[in-house]
Amino acid sequence: MDEEDRRIETHPDLVDPNWQKHAELDAWLGAKKELKKKRRKQRKAAAASGGGYSAPGTSRWPGIAAIVGLIVLVVAAVTVNAVQERGVNETPWFPLDESQITRLVTDA
């Protein structure tokens, strides 16, 4: 071993147990801070790539409103079809025989 290595091992700060505790605590806090920075960067990168709704002005409400509107239209169509007495395709435009003419006159 050369002289420099021996001086580091016998340095008074490194031998002091209180100093070692403070150094370990500082190292742990520094690692924690670096981990927070890394996670923050990852979140920003994920949001920038379109993975979330962090951009201002974006919302899920238009999509939800479109789905609700579609459901309302389908329910209205089913209701109208159930309430309607005679469908458009059930009445011929040009009746061809006597039974169809009689049915048109008596139903109306």
C-alpha atoms as a PDB file:
ATOM      1  CA  MET A   1       0.000   0.000   0.000  1.00  0.00           C
ATOM      2  CA  ASP A   2       1.222   3.428  -0.681  1.00  0.00           C
ATOM      3  CA  GLU A   3       1.180   6.354   1.686  1.00  0.00           C
ATOM      4  CA  GLU A   4      -2.015   7.970   0.293  1.00  0.00           C
ATOM      5  CA  ASP A   5      -4.181   4.882   0.896  1.00  0.00           C
ATOM      6  CA  ARG A   6      -3.046   4.655   4.507  1.00  0.00           C
ATOM      7  CA  ARG A   7      -3.876   8.292   5.134  1.00  0.00           C
ATOM      8  CA  ILE A   8      -7.466   7.832   3.889  1.00  0.00           C
ATOM      9  CA  GLU A   9      -8.062   4.809   6.115  1.00  0.00           C
ATOM     10  CA  THR A  10      -6.766   6.536   9.215  1.00  0.00           C
ATOM     11  CA  HIS A  11      -8.345   9.914   8.574  1.00  0.00           C
ATOM     12  CA  PRO A  12     -10.052  11.143  11.784  1.00  0.00           C
ATOM     13  CA  ASP A  13     -13.358  11.971  10.059  1.00  0.00           C
ATOM     14  CA  LEU A  14     -13.658   8.485   8.597  1.00  0.00           C
ATOM     15  CA  VAL A  15     -12.899   6.802  11.879  1.00  0.00           C
ATOM     16  CA  ASP A  16     -15.470   8.854  13.853  1.00  0.00           C
ATOM     17  CA  PRO A  17     -18.770   6.822  14.045  1.00  0.00           C
ATOM     18  CA  ASN A  18     -20.929   9.977  14.292  1.00  0.00           C
ATOM     19  CA  TRP A  19     -19.433  11.301  11.098  1.00  0.00           C
ATOM     20  CA  GLN A  20     -20.125   7.979   9.389  1.00  0.00           C
ATOM     21  CA  LYS A  21     -23.780   8.143  10.433  1.00  0.00           C
ATOM     22  CA  HIS A  22     -24.090  11.658   9.026  1.00  0.00           C
ATOM     23  CA  ALA A  23     -22.387  10.601   5.805  1.00  0.00           C
ATOM     24  CA  GLU A  24     -24.734   7.618   5.419  1.00  0.00           C
ATOM     25  CA  LEU A  25     -27.756   9.819   6.079  1.00  0.00           C
ATOM     26  CA  ASP A  26     -26.579  12.393   3.536  1.00  0.00           C
ATOM     27  CA  ALA A  27     -25.971   9.658   0.975  1.00  0.00           C
ATOM     28  CA  TRP A  28     -29.426   8.182   1.591  1.00  0.00           C
ATOM     29  CA  LEU A  29     -31.117  11.586   1.281  1.00  0.00           C
ATOM     30  CA  GLY A  30     -29.175  12.306  -1.897  1.00  0.00           C
ATOM     31  CA  ALA A  31     -30.242   8.964  -3.390  1.00  0.00           C
ATOM     32  CA  LYS A  32     -33.848   9.680  -2.423  1.00  0.00           C
ATOM     33  CA  LYS A  33     -33.704  13.091  -4.073  1.00  0.00           C
ATOM     34  CA  GLU A  34     -32.240  11.595  -7.256  1.00  0.00           C
ATOM     35  CA  LEU A  35     -34.977   8.962  -7.325  1.00  0.00           C
ATOM     36  CA  LYS A  36     -37.648  11.678  -7.043  1.00  0.00           C
ATOM     37  CA  LYS A  37     -36.067  13.566  -9.950  1.00  0.00           C
ATOM     38  CA  LYS A  38     -35.958  10.396 -12.041  1.00  0.00           C
ATOM     39  CA  ARG A  39     -39.621   9.606 -11.359  1.00  0.00           C
ATOM     40  CA  ARG A  40     -40.654  13.181 -12.128  1.00  0.00           C
ATOM     41  CA  LYS A  41     -38.832  13.002 -15.479  1.00  0.00           C
ATOM     42  CA  GLN A  42     -40.498   9.683 -16.269  1.00  0.00           C
ATOM     43  CA  ARG A  43     -43.939  11.111 -15.503  1.00  0.00           C
ATOM     44  CA  LYS A  44     -43.276  14.136 -17.698  1.00  0.00           C
ATOM     45  CA  ALA A  45     -42.045  11.912 -20.516  1.00  0.00           C
ATOM     46  CA  ALA A  46     -45.121   9.674 -20.247  1.00  0.00           C
ATOM     47  CA  ALA A  47     -47.456  12.676 -20.293  1.00  0.00           C
ATOM     48  CA  ALA A  48     -45.652  14.208 -23.258  1.00  0.00           C
ATOM     49  CA  SER A  49     -45.940  10.990 -25.244  1.00  0.00           C
ATOM     50  CA  GLY A  50     -49.738  11.113 -25.031  1.00  0.00           C
ATOM     51  CA  GLY A  51     -50.168   8.588 -22.251  1.00  0.00           C
ATOM     52  CA  GLY A  52     -52.251  10.867 -20.052  1.00  0.00           C
ATOM     53  CA  TYR A  53     -54.493  13.889 -19.875  1.00  0.00           C
ATOM     54  CA  SER A  54     -52.014  16.324 -18.407  1.00  0.00           C
ATOM     55  CA  ALA A  55     -52.106  18.761 -21.320  1.00  0.00           C
ATOM     56  CA  PRO A  56     -54.329  21.763 -20.656  1.00  0.00           C
ATOM     57  CA  GLY A  57     -57.667  21.716 -22.413  1.00  0.00           C
ATOM     58  CA  THR A  58     -57.936  17.948 -22.733  1.00  0.00           C
ATOM     59  CA  SER A  59     -60.807  16.215 -21.032  1.00  0.00           C
ATOM     60  CA  ARG A  60     -62.727  12.959 -21.095  1.00  0.00           C
ATOM     61  CA  TRP A  61     -66.130  14.662 -20.961  1.00  0.00           C
ATOM     62  CA  PRO A  62     -66.667  15.020 -24.739  1.00  0.00           C
ATOM     63  CA  GLY A  63     -66.180  11.283 -25.196  1.00  0.00           C
ATOM     64  CA  ILE A  64     -68.459  10.454 -22.295  1.00  0.00           C
ATOM     65  CA  ALA A  65     -71.096  12.866 -23.626  1.00  0.00           C
ATOM     66  CA  ALA A  66     -70.909  11.232 -27.077  1.00  0.00           C
ATOM     67  CA  ILE A  67     -71.445   7.757 -25.607  1.00  0.00           C
ATOM     68  CA  VAL A  68     -74.382   8.959 -23.476  1.00  0.00           C
ATOM     69  CA  GLY A  69     -75.884  10.699 -26.524  1.00  0.00           C
ATOM     70  CA  LEU A  70     -75.597   7.521 -28.575  1.00  0.00           C
ATOM     71  CA  ILE A  71     -77.331   5.510 -25.851  1.00  0.00           C
ATOM     72  CA  VAL A  72     -80.145   8.095 -25.655  1.00  0.00           C
ATOM     73  CA  LEU A  73     -80.651   7.955 -29.441  1.00  0.00           C
ATOM     74  CA  VAL A  74     -80.826   4.159 -29.446  1.00  0.00           C
ATOM     75  CA  VAL A  75     -83.343   4.153 -26.568  1.00  0.00           C
ATOM     76  CA  ALA A  76     -85.439   6.796 -28.355  1.00  0.00           C
ATOM     77  CA  ALA A  77     -85.443   4.768 -31.587  1.00  0.00           C
ATOM     78  CA  VAL A  78     -86.515   1.604 -29.779  1.00  0.00           C
ATOM     79  CA  THR A  79     -89.257   3.504 -27.940  1.00  0.00           C
ATOM     80  CA  VAL A  80     -90.615   5.128 -31.109  1.00  0.00           C
ATOM     81  CA  ASN A  81     -90.594   1.788 -32.886  1.00  0.00           C
ATOM     82  CA  ALA A  82     -92.510   0.127 -30.036  1.00  0.00           C
ATOM     83  CA  VAL A  83     -95.105   2.930 -29.727  1.00  0.00           C
ATOM     84  CA  GLN A  84     -95.691   3.424 -33.452  1.00  0.00           C
ATOM     85  CA  GLU A  85     -98.761   1.563 -34.713  1.00  0.00           C
ATOM     86  CA  ARG A  86     -97.873   1.145 -38.349  1.00  0.00           C
ATOM     87  CA  GLY A  87     -94.399   1.206 -39.816  1.00  0.00           C
ATOM     88  CA  VAL A  88     -93.405   2.965 -43.000  1.00  0.00           C
ATOM     89  CA  ASN A  89     -92.670  -0.278 -44.809  1.00  0.00           C
ATOM     90  CA  GLU A  90     -95.974  -1.899 -43.790  1.00  0.00           C
ATOM     91  CA  THR A  91     -98.127   0.435 -45.907  1.00  0.00           C
ATOM     92  CA  PRO A  92     -97.636   0.014 -49.658  1.00  0.00           C
ATOM     93  CA  TRP A  93     -97.521   3.146 -51.782  1.00  0.00           C
ATOM     94  CA  PHE A  94     -99.489   1.600 -54.568  1.00  0.00           C
ATOM     95  CA  PRO A  95    -101.920  -1.059 -53.342  1.00  0.00           C
ATOM     96  CA  LEU A  96    -102.199  -3.846 -55.854  1.00  0.00           C
ATOM     97  CA  ASP A  97    -105.240  -5.842 -54.730  1.00  0.00           C
ATOM     98  CA  GLU A  98    -108.617  -5.372 -52.988  1.00  0.00           C
ATOM     99  CA  SER A  99    -107.486  -6.664 -49.568  1.00  0.00           C
ATOM    100  CA  GLN A 100    -104.768  -3.999 -49.303  1.00  0.00           C
ATOM    101  CA  ILE A 101    -107.159  -1.219 -50.319  1.00  0.00           C
ATOM    102  CA  THR A 102    -109.762  -2.418 -47.818  1.00  0.00           C
ATOM    103  CA  ARG A 103    -107.160  -2.554 -45.035  1.00  0.00           C
ATOM    104  CA  LEU A 104    -106.025   0.990 -45.817  1.00  0.00           C
ATOM    105  CA  VAL A 105    -109.557   2.351 -45.757  1.00  0.00           C
ATOM    106  CA  THR A 106    -110.587   0.612 -42.525  1.00  0.00           C
ATOM    107  CA  ASP A 107    -107.361   1.392 -40.615  1.00  0.00           C
ATOM    108  CA  ALA A 108    -107.340   5.080 -41.426  1.00  0.00           C
END
